[in-house]
Amino acid sequence: MKVLGLIPARGGSKGIPGKNVRPLGGRPLLAWTAEAALAARRLSRVVLSTDDEAIAEVGRQCGLDVPFLRPAELARDDTPTLPVVRHALEELKGFDAVCLLQPTSPFRRDEDIDACIAMLEERDLDAVVSVLPVPAEHNPHWVYFEDGGLLRLATGEEQPIPRRQELPPAFHRDGSVYVTRREVVMRGSLYGRRLGGYVMPKAGVNLDTPADWERAERLL
């Protein structure tokens, strides 16, 4: 299976200005993801998708391939991820799947990338995402939505599961790794119908706010 490693890093970040090239632990943020991607054995090629020439140059210094600059209409604040992934697959032919690696999750390892790709192939899945366990108090069987002034369980059940020990395992995406077959992306989804979850060995950090950045520095 030929898998494209895709690192999206647009310019113009608002939450943390210049975050993709801002130093974290003495290296540009982008370098953390580049290092893991280039070390992964199951990625056939690793490319950077950016609209910003300065970010592209940092990417090249990190060893990344920059075969194109992303169009401006795919680098807006409200641009969804899916069109960015589709653009890369349309530009670069011959790949069976794409592995999306966002620089805002700097602490994933090359082993995590390879494990997600292996799961996709061995279990014949449409996609695999990295996940973390949900604490019991946030399990969907104990979470309520407000509906017309009344509380409704997220699962649609009438009564919550009474005992913590009876709760089924629940997970949330952690944002570190997304692997999707090409045909699924081209049909308009990053997840498909057969979605697998790779449980990360430990929680990392997703960098969206200055507080997240401070937490990342503490973790380092």
N, C-alpha and C. Protein backbone atom coordinates (compact mmCIF):
# COMPACT_ATOMS: atom_id res chain seq x y z
N MET A 1 0.84 -1.20 0.00
CA MET A 1 0.00 0.00 0.00
C MET A 1 0.88 1.25 0.00
N LYS A 2 0.61 2.16 -0.94
CA LYS A 2 1.34 3.42 -1.00
C LYS A 2 0.56 4.48 -0.25
N VAL A 3 1.17 5.04 0.79
CA VAL A 3 0.49 6.00 1.65
C VAL A 3 1.22 7.34 1.58
N LEU A 4 0.45 8.38 1.29
CA LEU A 4 0.99 9.73 1.26
C LEU A 4 0.90 10.35 2.65
N GLY A 5 2.01 10.81 3.18
CA GLY A 5 2.01 11.56 4.42
C GLY A 5 1.80 13.03 4.11
N LEU A 6 0.74 13.62 4.65
CA LEU A 6 0.38 14.99 4.32
C LEU A 6 0.38 15.85 5.58
N ILE A 7 1.21 16.88 5.58
CA ILE A 7 1.31 17.81 6.71
C ILE A 7 0.75 19.15 6.26
N PRO A 8 -0.43 19.55 6.75
CA PRO A 8 -1.00 20.84 6.36
C PRO A 8 -0.55 21.95 7.31
N ALA A 9 -0.06 23.04 6.76
CA ALA A 9 0.43 24.13 7.61
C ALA A 9 0.25 25.45 6.88
N ARG A 10 -0.90 26.05 7.04
CA ARG A 10 -1.17 27.31 6.35
C ARG A 10 -0.58 28.48 7.13
N GLY A 11 -0.44 29.60 6.45
CA GLY A 11 -0.05 30.83 7.12
C GLY A 11 -1.28 31.52 7.71
N GLY A 12 -1.06 32.55 8.47
CA GLY A 12 -2.18 33.36 8.97
C GLY A 12 -2.92 32.79 10.15
N SER A 13 -2.27 32.01 10.99
CA SER A 13 -2.93 31.48 12.18
C SER A 13 -3.35 32.61 13.11
N LYS A 14 -4.56 32.52 13.65
CA LYS A 14 -5.08 33.58 14.52
C LYS A 14 -4.92 33.24 16.01
N GLY A 15 -5.23 32.00 16.40
CA GLY A 15 -5.18 31.65 17.82
C GLY A 15 -3.79 31.77 18.41
N ILE A 16 -2.79 31.27 17.66
CA ILE A 16 -1.38 31.39 18.04
C ILE A 16 -0.66 31.90 16.79
N PRO A 17 -0.44 33.21 16.69
CA PRO A 17 0.15 33.77 15.48
C PRO A 17 1.48 33.10 15.11
N GLY A 18 1.58 32.72 13.83
CA GLY A 18 2.81 32.11 13.33
C GLY A 18 3.14 30.78 13.95
N LYS A 19 2.13 30.05 14.43
CA LYS A 19 2.41 28.87 15.25
C LYS A 19 3.17 27.77 14.52
N ASN A 20 2.96 27.60 13.22
CA ASN A 20 3.57 26.47 12.52
C ASN A 20 5.09 26.55 12.47
N VAL A 21 5.63 27.77 12.57
CA VAL A 21 7.09 27.92 12.56
C VAL A 21 7.60 28.50 13.88
N ARG A 22 6.72 28.72 14.82
CA ARG A 22 7.13 29.24 16.13
C ARG A 22 7.97 28.18 16.87
N PRO A 23 9.06 28.59 17.53
CA PRO A 23 9.90 27.61 18.21
C PRO A 23 9.21 26.96 19.41
N LEU A 24 9.27 25.66 19.45
CA LEU A 24 8.82 24.87 20.59
C LEU A 24 9.97 23.95 20.98
N GLY A 25 10.48 24.14 22.18
CA GLY A 25 11.63 23.35 22.59
C GLY A 25 12.85 23.58 21.71
N GLY A 26 12.99 24.80 21.19
CA GLY A 26 14.16 25.14 20.39
C GLY A 26 14.06 24.78 18.92
N ARG A 27 12.91 24.25 18.49
CA ARG A 27 12.73 23.89 17.08
C ARG A 27 11.40 24.44 16.58
N PRO A 28 11.29 24.73 15.28
CA PRO A 28 9.98 25.15 14.76
C PRO A 28 8.94 24.06 15.04
N LEU A 29 7.73 24.47 15.36
CA LEU A 29 6.67 23.49 15.63
C LEU A 29 6.58 22.46 14.51
N LEU A 30 6.69 22.90 13.28
CA LEU A 30 6.59 22.01 12.14
C LEU A 30 7.61 20.87 12.19
N ALA A 31 8.77 21.13 12.78
CA ALA A 31 9.85 20.14 12.81
C ALA A 31 9.47 18.89 13.59
N TRP A 32 8.64 19.04 14.63
CA TRP A 32 8.25 17.88 15.44
C TRP A 32 7.47 16.87 14.60
N THR A 33 6.52 17.36 13.83
CA THR A 33 5.73 16.46 12.99
C THR A 33 6.56 15.94 11.83
N ALA A 34 7.40 16.79 11.25
CA ALA A 34 8.25 16.35 10.14
C ALA A 34 9.15 15.19 10.57
N GLU A 35 9.74 15.30 11.75
CA GLU A 35 10.64 14.25 12.22
C GLU A 35 9.92 12.91 12.35
N ALA A 36 8.73 12.92 12.96
CA ALA A 36 7.98 11.67 13.13
C ALA A 36 7.56 11.10 11.78
N ALA A 37 7.09 11.97 10.88
CA ALA A 37 6.62 11.49 9.58
C ALA A 37 7.76 10.89 8.76
N LEU A 38 8.91 11.55 8.75
CA LEU A 38 10.03 11.05 7.96
C LEU A 38 10.62 9.76 8.53
N ALA A 39 10.40 9.54 9.82
CA ALA A 39 10.89 8.30 10.45
C ALA A 39 9.92 7.14 10.28
N ALA A 40 8.66 7.43 9.94
CA ALA A 40 7.66 6.37 9.80
C ALA A 40 8.00 5.48 8.60
N ARG A 41 7.97 4.18 8.81
CA ARG A 41 8.37 3.23 7.76
C ARG A 41 7.28 3.01 6.72
N ARG A 42 6.04 3.26 7.09
CA ARG A 42 4.93 2.93 6.19
C ARG A 42 4.46 4.11 5.33
N LEU A 43 5.09 5.25 5.45
CA LEU A 43 4.75 6.38 4.57
C LEU A 43 5.65 6.33 3.34
N SER A 44 5.04 6.37 2.16
CA SER A 44 5.80 6.30 0.92
C SER A 44 6.42 7.64 0.55
N ARG A 45 5.76 8.72 0.92
CA ARG A 45 6.24 10.06 0.62
C ARG A 45 5.62 11.01 1.64
N VAL A 46 6.37 12.03 2.05
CA VAL A 46 5.86 13.01 3.02
C VAL A 46 5.94 14.39 2.39
N VAL A 47 4.78 15.06 2.31
CA VAL A 47 4.75 16.38 1.68
C VAL A 47 4.12 17.39 2.63
N LEU A 48 4.48 18.64 2.41
CA LEU A 48 3.91 19.76 3.14
C LEU A 48 2.93 20.49 2.24
N SER A 49 1.73 20.74 2.74
CA SER A 49 0.74 21.54 2.02
C SER A 49 0.61 22.89 2.72
N THR A 50 1.09 23.94 2.06
CA THR A 50 1.03 25.28 2.63
C THR A 50 0.79 26.30 1.53
N ASP A 51 0.26 27.44 1.94
CA ASP A 51 0.07 28.56 1.03
C ASP A 51 1.16 29.61 1.21
N ASP A 52 2.05 29.38 2.17
CA ASP A 52 2.99 30.39 2.64
C ASP A 52 4.42 29.98 2.29
N GLU A 53 5.11 30.81 1.50
CA GLU A 53 6.46 30.47 1.07
C GLU A 53 7.45 30.39 2.24
N ALA A 54 7.25 31.22 3.28
CA ALA A 54 8.14 31.17 4.44
C ALA A 54 7.99 29.83 5.16
N ILE A 55 6.75 29.35 5.31
CA ILE A 55 6.52 28.04 5.92
C ILE A 55 7.09 26.95 5.03
N ALA A 56 6.92 27.11 3.71
CA ALA A 56 7.47 26.12 2.78
C ALA A 56 8.98 25.98 2.94
N GLU A 57 9.68 27.11 3.12
CA GLU A 57 11.13 27.07 3.27
C GLU A 57 11.53 26.38 4.57
N VAL A 58 10.79 26.64 5.65
CA VAL A 58 11.05 25.93 6.91
C VAL A 58 10.81 24.44 6.72
N GLY A 59 9.74 24.10 5.99
CA GLY A 59 9.47 22.69 5.72
C GLY A 59 10.60 22.02 4.97
N ARG A 60 11.14 22.70 3.97
CA ARG A 60 12.27 22.13 3.22
C ARG A 60 13.47 21.92 4.13
N GLN A 61 13.72 22.87 5.02
CA GLN A 61 14.84 22.74 5.96
C GLN A 61 14.63 21.55 6.89
N CYS A 62 13.37 21.20 7.12
CA CYS A 62 13.05 20.03 7.97
C CYS A 62 13.07 18.73 7.19
N GLY A 63 13.36 18.80 5.89
CA GLY A 63 13.43 17.60 5.07
C GLY A 63 12.15 17.24 4.35
N LEU A 64 11.15 18.13 4.39
CA LEU A 64 9.87 17.84 3.76
C LEU A 64 9.87 18.20 2.28
N ASP A 65 9.09 17.47 1.53
CA ASP A 65 8.88 17.74 0.11
C ASP A 65 7.76 18.78 0.00
N VAL A 66 7.97 19.82 -0.81
CA VAL A 66 6.95 20.86 -1.02
C VAL A 66 6.70 20.95 -2.53
N PRO A 67 5.89 20.05 -3.08
CA PRO A 67 5.71 19.99 -4.53
C PRO A 67 4.78 21.05 -5.10
N PHE A 68 4.04 21.74 -4.23
CA PHE A 68 3.12 22.77 -4.69
C PHE A 68 2.84 23.74 -3.55
N LEU A 69 2.34 24.92 -3.88
CA LEU A 69 1.79 25.82 -2.88
C LEU A 69 0.27 25.74 -2.96
N ARG A 70 -0.36 25.62 -1.81
CA ARG A 70 -1.81 25.47 -1.76
C ARG A 70 -2.50 26.75 -2.23
N PRO A 71 -3.58 26.64 -3.02
CA PRO A 71 -4.31 27.84 -3.45
C PRO A 71 -4.86 28.62 -2.25
N ALA A 72 -4.95 29.93 -2.42
CA ALA A 72 -5.41 30.79 -1.32
C ALA A 72 -6.80 30.42 -0.84
N GLU A 73 -7.66 29.96 -1.76
CA GLU A 73 -9.02 29.61 -1.35
C GLU A 73 -9.08 28.37 -0.46
N LEU A 74 -7.97 27.63 -0.38
CA LEU A 74 -7.89 26.46 0.50
C LEU A 74 -7.05 26.78 1.74
N ALA A 75 -6.86 28.05 2.04
CA ALA A 75 -6.05 28.44 3.20
C ALA A 75 -6.72 29.53 4.02
N ARG A 76 -8.04 29.57 3.97
CA ARG A 76 -8.77 30.54 4.76
C ARG A 76 -9.00 30.03 6.17
N ASP A 77 -9.42 30.92 7.06
CA ASP A 77 -9.69 30.54 8.45
C ASP A 77 -10.76 29.46 8.53
N ASP A 78 -11.75 29.52 7.61
CA ASP A 78 -12.87 28.60 7.68
C ASP A 78 -12.78 27.44 6.69
N THR A 79 -11.60 27.24 6.09
CA THR A 79 -11.45 26.15 5.13
C THR A 79 -11.46 24.81 5.85
N PRO A 80 -12.38 23.90 5.48
CA PRO A 80 -12.38 22.56 6.10
C PRO A 80 -11.13 21.77 5.70
N THR A 81 -10.87 20.71 6.44
CA THR A 81 -9.69 19.89 6.17
C THR A 81 -9.85 19.05 4.91
N LEU A 82 -11.05 18.52 4.68
CA LEU A 82 -11.26 17.59 3.58
C LEU A 82 -10.83 18.15 2.22
N PRO A 83 -11.21 19.38 1.84
CA PRO A 83 -10.76 19.89 0.53
C PRO A 83 -9.25 20.01 0.42
N VAL A 84 -8.58 20.27 1.53
CA VAL A 84 -7.12 20.35 1.52
C VAL A 84 -6.52 18.98 1.21
N VAL A 85 -7.08 17.95 1.82
CA VAL A 85 -6.60 16.58 1.58
C VAL A 85 -6.90 16.17 0.14
N ARG A 86 -8.09 16.46 -0.35
CA ARG A 86 -8.45 16.12 -1.73
C ARG A 86 -7.54 16.82 -2.72
N HIS A 87 -7.22 18.07 -2.46
CA HIS A 87 -6.33 18.82 -3.35
C HIS A 87 -4.98 18.13 -3.47
N ALA A 88 -4.44 17.68 -2.35
CA ALA A 88 -3.14 17.00 -2.38
C ALA A 88 -3.21 15.70 -3.18
N LEU A 89 -4.26 14.94 -3.00
CA LEU A 89 -4.40 13.67 -3.72
C LEU A 89 -4.64 13.89 -5.21
N GLU A 90 -5.27 15.00 -5.57
CA GLU A 90 -5.46 15.32 -6.98
C GLU A 90 -4.15 15.78 -7.62
N GLU A 91 -3.34 16.46 -6.85
CA GLU A 91 -2.04 16.93 -7.35
C GLU A 91 -1.04 15.79 -7.47
N LEU A 92 -1.12 14.84 -6.56
CA LEU A 92 -0.12 13.76 -6.46
C LEU A 92 -0.81 12.42 -6.69
N LYS A 93 -0.59 11.82 -7.82
CA LYS A 93 -1.28 10.59 -8.20
C LYS A 93 -0.54 9.36 -7.66
N GLY A 94 -1.26 8.24 -7.67
CA GLY A 94 -0.63 6.95 -7.41
C GLY A 94 -0.62 6.49 -5.97
N PHE A 95 -1.35 7.18 -5.07
CA PHE A 95 -1.37 6.77 -3.67
C PHE A 95 -2.69 6.06 -3.34
N ASP A 96 -2.59 5.03 -2.51
CA ASP A 96 -3.76 4.26 -2.10
C ASP A 96 -4.46 4.87 -0.89
N ALA A 97 -3.71 5.63 -0.11
CA ALA A 97 -4.27 6.22 1.11
C ALA A 97 -3.46 7.47 1.46
N VAL A 98 -4.03 8.26 2.36
CA VAL A 98 -3.36 9.47 2.82
C VAL A 98 -3.35 9.48 4.34
N CYS A 99 -2.23 9.91 4.90
CA CYS A 99 -2.09 10.01 6.35
C CYS A 99 -1.94 11.49 6.69
N LEU A 100 -2.97 12.05 7.31
CA LEU A 100 -2.99 13.47 7.68
C LEU A 100 -2.32 13.65 9.04
N LEU A 101 -1.32 14.52 9.07
CA LEU A 101 -0.54 14.75 10.29
C LEU A 101 -0.48 16.25 10.54
N GLN A 102 -1.29 16.73 11.46
CA GLN A 102 -1.36 18.17 11.72
C GLN A 102 -0.24 18.60 12.67
N PRO A 103 0.47 19.67 12.35
CA PRO A 103 1.57 20.13 13.20
C PRO A 103 1.13 20.49 14.61
N THR A 104 -0.14 20.77 14.80
CA THR A 104 -0.65 21.16 16.12
C THR A 104 -0.69 20.00 17.11
N SER A 105 -0.33 18.79 16.66
CA SER A 105 -0.18 17.63 17.57
C SER A 105 1.27 17.18 17.48
N PRO A 106 2.18 17.86 18.16
CA PRO A 106 3.61 17.64 17.92
C PRO A 106 4.20 16.39 18.56
N PHE A 107 3.48 15.74 19.46
CA PHE A 107 4.13 14.69 20.25
C PHE A 107 3.76 13.28 19.82
N ARG A 108 3.09 13.12 18.67
CA ARG A 108 2.88 11.75 18.19
C ARG A 108 4.21 11.19 17.71
N ARG A 109 4.35 9.85 17.77
CA ARG A 109 5.60 9.19 17.41
C ARG A 109 5.47 8.52 16.05
N ASP A 110 6.61 8.20 15.43
CA ASP A 110 6.56 7.46 14.17
C ASP A 110 5.90 6.10 14.35
N GLU A 111 6.06 5.49 15.55
CA GLU A 111 5.40 4.20 15.81
C GLU A 111 3.89 4.32 15.77
N ASP A 112 3.36 5.46 16.20
CA ASP A 112 1.92 5.67 16.17
C ASP A 112 1.42 5.76 14.73
N ILE A 113 2.17 6.46 13.89
CA ILE A 113 1.80 6.58 12.48
C ILE A 113 1.78 5.20 11.82
N ASP A 114 2.85 4.44 12.02
CA ASP A 114 2.93 3.11 11.42
C ASP A 114 1.83 2.19 11.93
N ALA A 115 1.50 2.28 13.21
CA ALA A 115 0.47 1.41 13.78
C ALA A 115 -0.91 1.72 13.18
N CYS A 116 -1.19 2.99 12.94
CA CYS A 116 -2.47 3.37 12.33
C CYS A 116 -2.58 2.84 10.90
N ILE A 117 -1.50 2.96 10.14
CA ILE A 117 -1.51 2.47 8.77
C ILE A 117 -1.64 0.94 8.74
N ALA A 118 -0.95 0.27 9.64
CA ALA A 118 -1.05 -1.19 9.72
C ALA A 118 -2.49 -1.61 10.04
N MET A 119 -3.14 -0.91 10.95
CA MET A 119 -4.52 -1.23 11.30
C MET A 119 -5.45 -1.05 10.09
N LEU A 120 -5.24 0.02 9.35
CA LEU A 120 -6.06 0.26 8.16
C LEU A 120 -5.95 -0.90 7.18
N GLU A 121 -4.72 -1.35 6.95
CA GLU A 121 -4.49 -2.39 5.95
C GLU A 121 -4.92 -3.76 6.45
N GLU A 122 -4.54 -4.10 7.67
CA GLU A 122 -4.79 -5.45 8.17
C GLU A 122 -6.26 -5.73 8.44
N ARG A 123 -7.03 -4.68 8.81
CA ARG A 123 -8.44 -4.86 9.11
C ARG A 123 -9.35 -4.41 7.97
N ASP A 124 -8.75 -4.03 6.84
CA ASP A 124 -9.49 -3.62 5.66
C ASP A 124 -10.51 -2.53 6.01
N LEU A 125 -10.03 -1.48 6.67
CA LEU A 125 -10.89 -0.38 7.11
C LEU A 125 -10.90 0.74 6.07
N ASP A 126 -11.90 1.62 6.19
CA ASP A 126 -11.93 2.82 5.36
C ASP A 126 -10.97 3.88 5.88
N ALA A 127 -10.88 3.95 7.21
CA ALA A 127 -10.04 4.97 7.83
C ALA A 127 -9.70 4.55 9.26
N VAL A 128 -8.64 5.15 9.78
CA VAL A 128 -8.23 4.96 11.18
C VAL A 128 -7.89 6.33 11.75
N VAL A 129 -8.35 6.58 12.97
CA VAL A 129 -8.00 7.82 13.66
C VAL A 129 -7.39 7.48 15.02
N SER A 130 -6.49 8.32 15.47
CA SER A 130 -5.93 8.14 16.81
C SER A 130 -6.93 8.66 17.84
N VAL A 131 -7.06 7.93 18.94
CA VAL A 131 -8.06 8.27 19.96
C VAL A 131 -7.46 8.15 21.36
N LEU A 132 -8.19 8.72 22.32
CA LEU A 132 -7.87 8.58 23.73
C LEU A 132 -9.13 8.15 24.47
N PRO A 133 -9.00 7.41 25.56
CA PRO A 133 -10.19 7.01 26.33
C PRO A 133 -10.89 8.21 26.93
N VAL A 134 -12.21 8.14 26.98
CA VAL A 134 -13.02 9.18 27.61
C VAL A 134 -13.22 8.83 29.08
N PRO A 135 -12.97 9.78 30.00
CA PRO A 135 -13.23 9.50 31.41
C PRO A 135 -14.69 9.12 31.64
N ALA A 136 -14.93 8.32 32.66
CA ALA A 136 -16.28 7.81 32.91
C ALA A 136 -17.30 8.94 33.01
N GLU A 137 -16.93 10.04 33.67
CA GLU A 137 -17.91 11.11 33.86
C GLU A 137 -18.30 11.80 32.56
N HIS A 138 -17.52 11.56 31.48
CA HIS A 138 -17.84 12.13 30.17
C HIS A 138 -18.33 11.06 29.19
N ASN A 139 -18.56 9.85 29.67
CA ASN A 139 -19.07 8.78 28.81
C ASN A 139 -20.43 9.19 28.24
N PRO A 140 -20.69 8.93 26.95
CA PRO A 140 -21.97 9.34 26.36
C PRO A 140 -23.20 8.82 27.10
N HIS A 141 -23.06 7.69 27.80
CA HIS A 141 -24.18 7.15 28.56
C HIS A 141 -24.49 7.98 29.80
N TRP A 142 -23.59 8.90 30.14
CA TRP A 142 -23.81 9.79 31.28
C TRP A 142 -23.86 11.26 30.87
N VAL A 143 -23.83 11.54 29.58
CA VAL A 143 -23.83 12.91 29.08
C VAL A 143 -25.22 13.27 28.58
N TYR A 144 -25.67 14.48 28.94
CA TYR A 144 -27.01 14.94 28.55
C TYR A 144 -26.93 16.13 27.60
N PHE A 145 -27.90 16.20 26.69
CA PHE A 145 -28.13 17.39 25.87
C PHE A 145 -29.43 18.03 26.33
N GLU A 146 -29.51 19.35 26.17
CA GLU A 146 -30.77 20.03 26.47
C GLU A 146 -31.64 20.04 25.22
N ASP A 147 -32.87 19.66 25.37
CA ASP A 147 -33.81 19.56 24.26
C ASP A 147 -35.16 20.12 24.71
N GLY A 148 -35.49 21.33 24.25
CA GLY A 148 -36.76 21.93 24.63
C GLY A 148 -36.89 22.16 26.12
N GLY A 149 -35.78 22.50 26.77
CA GLY A 149 -35.80 22.75 28.21
C GLY A 149 -35.66 21.49 29.05
N LEU A 150 -35.57 20.33 28.40
CA LEU A 150 -35.41 19.06 29.12
C LEU A 150 -34.06 18.43 28.79
N LEU A 151 -33.55 17.62 29.70
CA LEU A 151 -32.29 16.92 29.46
C LEU A 151 -32.56 15.56 28.82
N ARG A 152 -31.78 15.27 27.79
CA ARG A 152 -31.86 13.98 27.09
C ARG A 152 -30.48 13.35 27.05
N LEU A 153 -30.41 12.06 27.32
CA LEU A 153 -29.12 11.37 27.25
C LEU A 153 -28.59 11.40 25.81
N ALA A 154 -27.29 11.57 25.70
CA ALA A 154 -26.66 11.63 24.38
C ALA A 154 -26.89 10.35 23.59
N THR A 155 -27.05 9.22 24.26
CA THR A 155 -27.25 7.94 23.59
C THR A 155 -28.68 7.73 23.13
N GLY A 156 -29.61 8.59 23.57
CA GLY A 156 -31.01 8.42 23.22
C GLY A 156 -31.76 7.49 24.16
N GLU A 157 -31.06 6.91 25.13
CA GLU A 157 -31.72 6.02 26.09
C GLU A 157 -32.54 6.82 27.09
N GLU A 158 -33.51 6.16 27.71
CA GLU A 158 -34.35 6.84 28.69
C GLU A 158 -33.68 6.94 30.06
N GLN A 159 -32.87 5.95 30.41
CA GLN A 159 -32.23 5.91 31.72
C GLN A 159 -30.73 5.75 31.57
N PRO A 160 -29.94 6.42 32.40
CA PRO A 160 -28.48 6.23 32.35
C PRO A 160 -28.09 4.87 32.90
N ILE A 161 -26.95 4.37 32.44
CA ILE A 161 -26.38 3.16 33.03
C ILE A 161 -26.01 3.49 34.47
N PRO A 162 -26.48 2.72 35.44
CA PRO A 162 -26.33 3.15 36.83
C PRO A 162 -24.93 3.05 37.40
N ARG A 163 -24.14 2.05 36.97
CA ARG A 163 -22.85 1.81 37.61
C ARG A 163 -21.71 2.09 36.65
N ARG A 164 -20.67 2.75 37.18
CA ARG A 164 -19.48 3.06 36.40
C ARG A 164 -18.90 1.80 35.75
N GLN A 165 -18.92 0.70 36.49
CA GLN A 165 -18.31 -0.54 35.99
C GLN A 165 -19.04 -1.11 34.77
N GLU A 166 -20.28 -0.68 34.55
CA GLU A 166 -21.07 -1.20 33.44
C GLU A 166 -20.96 -0.34 32.18
N LEU A 167 -20.28 0.80 32.29
CA LEU A 167 -20.16 1.68 31.13
C LEU A 167 -19.27 1.04 30.06
N PRO A 168 -19.69 1.05 28.79
CA PRO A 168 -18.81 0.55 27.72
C PRO A 168 -17.70 1.55 27.47
N PRO A 169 -16.54 1.09 27.00
CA PRO A 169 -15.45 2.04 26.72
C PRO A 169 -15.88 3.07 25.68
N ALA A 170 -15.46 4.29 25.89
CA ALA A 170 -15.73 5.37 24.94
C ALA A 170 -14.42 6.10 24.65
N PHE A 171 -14.32 6.69 23.47
CA PHE A 171 -13.08 7.32 23.03
C PHE A 171 -13.38 8.65 22.34
N HIS A 172 -12.39 9.53 22.32
CA HIS A 172 -12.50 10.75 21.53
C HIS A 172 -11.26 10.89 20.66
N ARG A 173 -11.41 11.51 19.51
CA ARG A 173 -10.27 11.75 18.62
C ARG A 173 -9.27 12.67 19.31
N ASP A 174 -8.01 12.38 19.17
CA ASP A 174 -7.02 13.27 19.78
C ASP A 174 -6.32 14.14 18.74
N GLY A 175 -6.59 13.91 17.45
CA GLY A 175 -6.08 14.79 16.41
C GLY A 175 -4.68 14.50 15.91
N SER A 176 -4.03 13.46 16.43
CA SER A 176 -2.64 13.20 16.07
C SER A 176 -2.47 12.57 14.70
N VAL A 177 -3.31 11.56 14.40
CA VAL A 177 -3.15 10.79 13.15
C VAL A 177 -4.52 10.51 12.55
N TYR A 178 -4.64 10.75 11.25
CA TYR A 178 -5.81 10.35 10.47
C TYR A 178 -5.29 9.63 9.23
N VAL A 179 -5.71 8.39 9.01
CA VAL A 179 -5.33 7.67 7.80
C VAL A 179 -6.61 7.26 7.07
N THR A 180 -6.71 7.61 5.80
CA THR A 180 -7.93 7.35 5.04
C THR A 180 -7.57 6.86 3.64
N ARG A 181 -8.33 5.87 3.18
CA ARG A 181 -8.13 5.39 1.82
C ARG A 181 -8.49 6.48 0.81
N ARG A 182 -7.78 6.49 -0.29
CA ARG A 182 -7.96 7.53 -1.30
C ARG A 182 -9.40 7.60 -1.80
N GLU A 183 -9.99 6.44 -2.11
CA GLU A 183 -11.33 6.46 -2.68
C GLU A 183 -12.36 7.01 -1.70
N VAL A 184 -12.11 6.84 -0.40
CA VAL A 184 -13.02 7.38 0.62
C VAL A 184 -12.93 8.91 0.63
N VAL A 185 -11.72 9.43 0.57
CA VAL A 185 -11.54 10.88 0.52
C VAL A 185 -12.21 11.46 -0.72
N MET A 186 -12.01 10.82 -1.87
CA MET A 186 -12.57 11.35 -3.11
C MET A 186 -14.09 11.26 -3.13
N ARG A 187 -14.65 10.38 -2.30
CA ARG A 187 -16.12 10.30 -2.18
C ARG A 187 -16.65 11.35 -1.21
N GLY A 188 -15.74 12.06 -0.49
CA GLY A 188 -16.18 13.16 0.35
C GLY A 188 -16.16 12.90 1.84
N SER A 189 -15.23 12.05 2.32
CA SER A 189 -15.18 11.77 3.76
C SER A 189 -13.75 11.47 4.18
N LEU A 190 -13.42 11.85 5.41
CA LEU A 190 -12.15 11.44 6.01
C LEU A 190 -12.30 10.17 6.83
N TYR A 191 -13.56 9.72 7.02
CA TYR A 191 -13.81 8.63 7.96
C TYR A 191 -14.45 7.39 7.32
N GLY A 192 -15.24 7.56 6.31
CA GLY A 192 -15.89 6.41 5.69
C GLY A 192 -16.88 5.74 6.62
N ARG A 193 -17.22 4.49 6.32
CA ARG A 193 -18.17 3.73 7.13
C ARG A 193 -17.48 2.78 8.09
N ARG A 194 -16.31 2.29 7.68
CA ARG A 194 -15.56 1.35 8.52
C ARG A 194 -14.37 2.10 9.12
N LEU A 195 -14.60 2.63 10.33
CA LEU A 195 -13.60 3.48 10.99
C LEU A 195 -12.99 2.75 12.17
N GLY A 196 -11.67 2.70 12.20
CA GLY A 196 -10.96 2.10 13.33
C GLY A 196 -10.33 3.16 14.20
N GLY A 197 -10.12 2.83 15.47
CA GLY A 197 -9.50 3.75 16.41
C GLY A 197 -8.23 3.17 16.99
N TYR A 198 -7.14 3.90 16.85
CA TYR A 198 -5.87 3.50 17.45
C TYR A 198 -5.71 4.27 18.75
N VAL A 199 -5.64 3.56 19.86
CA VAL A 199 -5.54 4.20 21.17
C VAL A 199 -4.10 4.65 21.41
N MET A 200 -3.93 5.95 21.57
CA MET A 200 -2.59 6.50 21.79
C MET A 200 -2.06 6.04 23.15
N PRO A 201 -0.76 5.75 23.23
CA PRO A 201 -0.19 5.28 24.50
C PRO A 201 -0.33 6.29 25.63
N LYS A 202 -0.30 7.56 25.31
CA LYS A 202 -0.48 8.59 26.33
C LYS A 202 -1.01 9.86 25.68
N ALA A 203 -1.64 10.70 26.47
CA ALA A 203 -2.20 11.94 25.95
C ALA A 203 -1.09 12.91 25.59
N GLY A 204 -1.26 13.62 24.48
CA GLY A 204 -0.32 14.65 24.08
C GLY A 204 -0.94 16.01 24.32
N VAL A 205 -0.86 16.86 23.31
CA VAL A 205 -1.46 18.19 23.41
C VAL A 205 -1.85 18.63 22.00
N ASN A 206 -2.96 19.33 21.89
CA ASN A 206 -3.41 19.89 20.62
C ASN A 206 -3.32 21.41 20.73
N LEU A 207 -2.48 22.01 19.93
CA LEU A 207 -2.15 23.42 20.09
C LEU A 207 -3.12 24.33 19.35
N ASP A 208 -4.07 24.88 20.09
CA ASP A 208 -5.03 25.82 19.52
C ASP A 208 -4.98 27.20 20.17
N THR A 209 -4.54 27.26 21.42
CA THR A 209 -4.54 28.51 22.17
C THR A 209 -3.18 28.72 22.85
N PRO A 210 -2.90 29.95 23.30
CA PRO A 210 -1.66 30.19 24.05
C PRO A 210 -1.54 29.29 25.29
N ALA A 211 -2.66 28.98 25.92
CA ALA A 211 -2.62 28.09 27.09
C ALA A 211 -2.15 26.70 26.68
N ASP A 212 -2.57 26.23 25.50
CA ASP A 212 -2.11 24.93 25.00
C ASP A 212 -0.60 24.95 24.79
N TRP A 213 -0.09 26.08 24.27
CA TRP A 213 1.35 26.19 24.02
C TRP A 213 2.13 26.11 25.33
N GLU A 214 1.63 26.79 26.34
CA GLU A 214 2.29 26.74 27.65
C GLU A 214 2.29 25.31 28.19
N ARG A 215 1.20 24.60 27.99
CA ARG A 215 1.13 23.21 28.45
C ARG A 215 2.15 22.34 27.71
N ALA A 216 2.29 22.57 26.40
CA ALA A 216 3.27 21.82 25.63
C ALA A 216 4.68 22.08 26.13
N GLU A 217 4.99 23.30 26.46
CA GLU A 217 6.31 23.63 26.99
C GLU A 217 6.55 22.96 28.34
N ARG A 218 5.49 22.89 29.15
CA ARG A 218 5.61 22.19 30.45
C ARG A 218 5.86 20.70 30.22
N LEU A 219 5.18 20.10 29.25
CA LEU A 219 5.36 18.69 28.97
C LEU A 219 6.78 18.40 28.49
N LEU A 220 7.34 19.33 27.72
CA LEU A 220 8.72 19.15 27.28
C LEU A 220 9.69 19.22 28.44
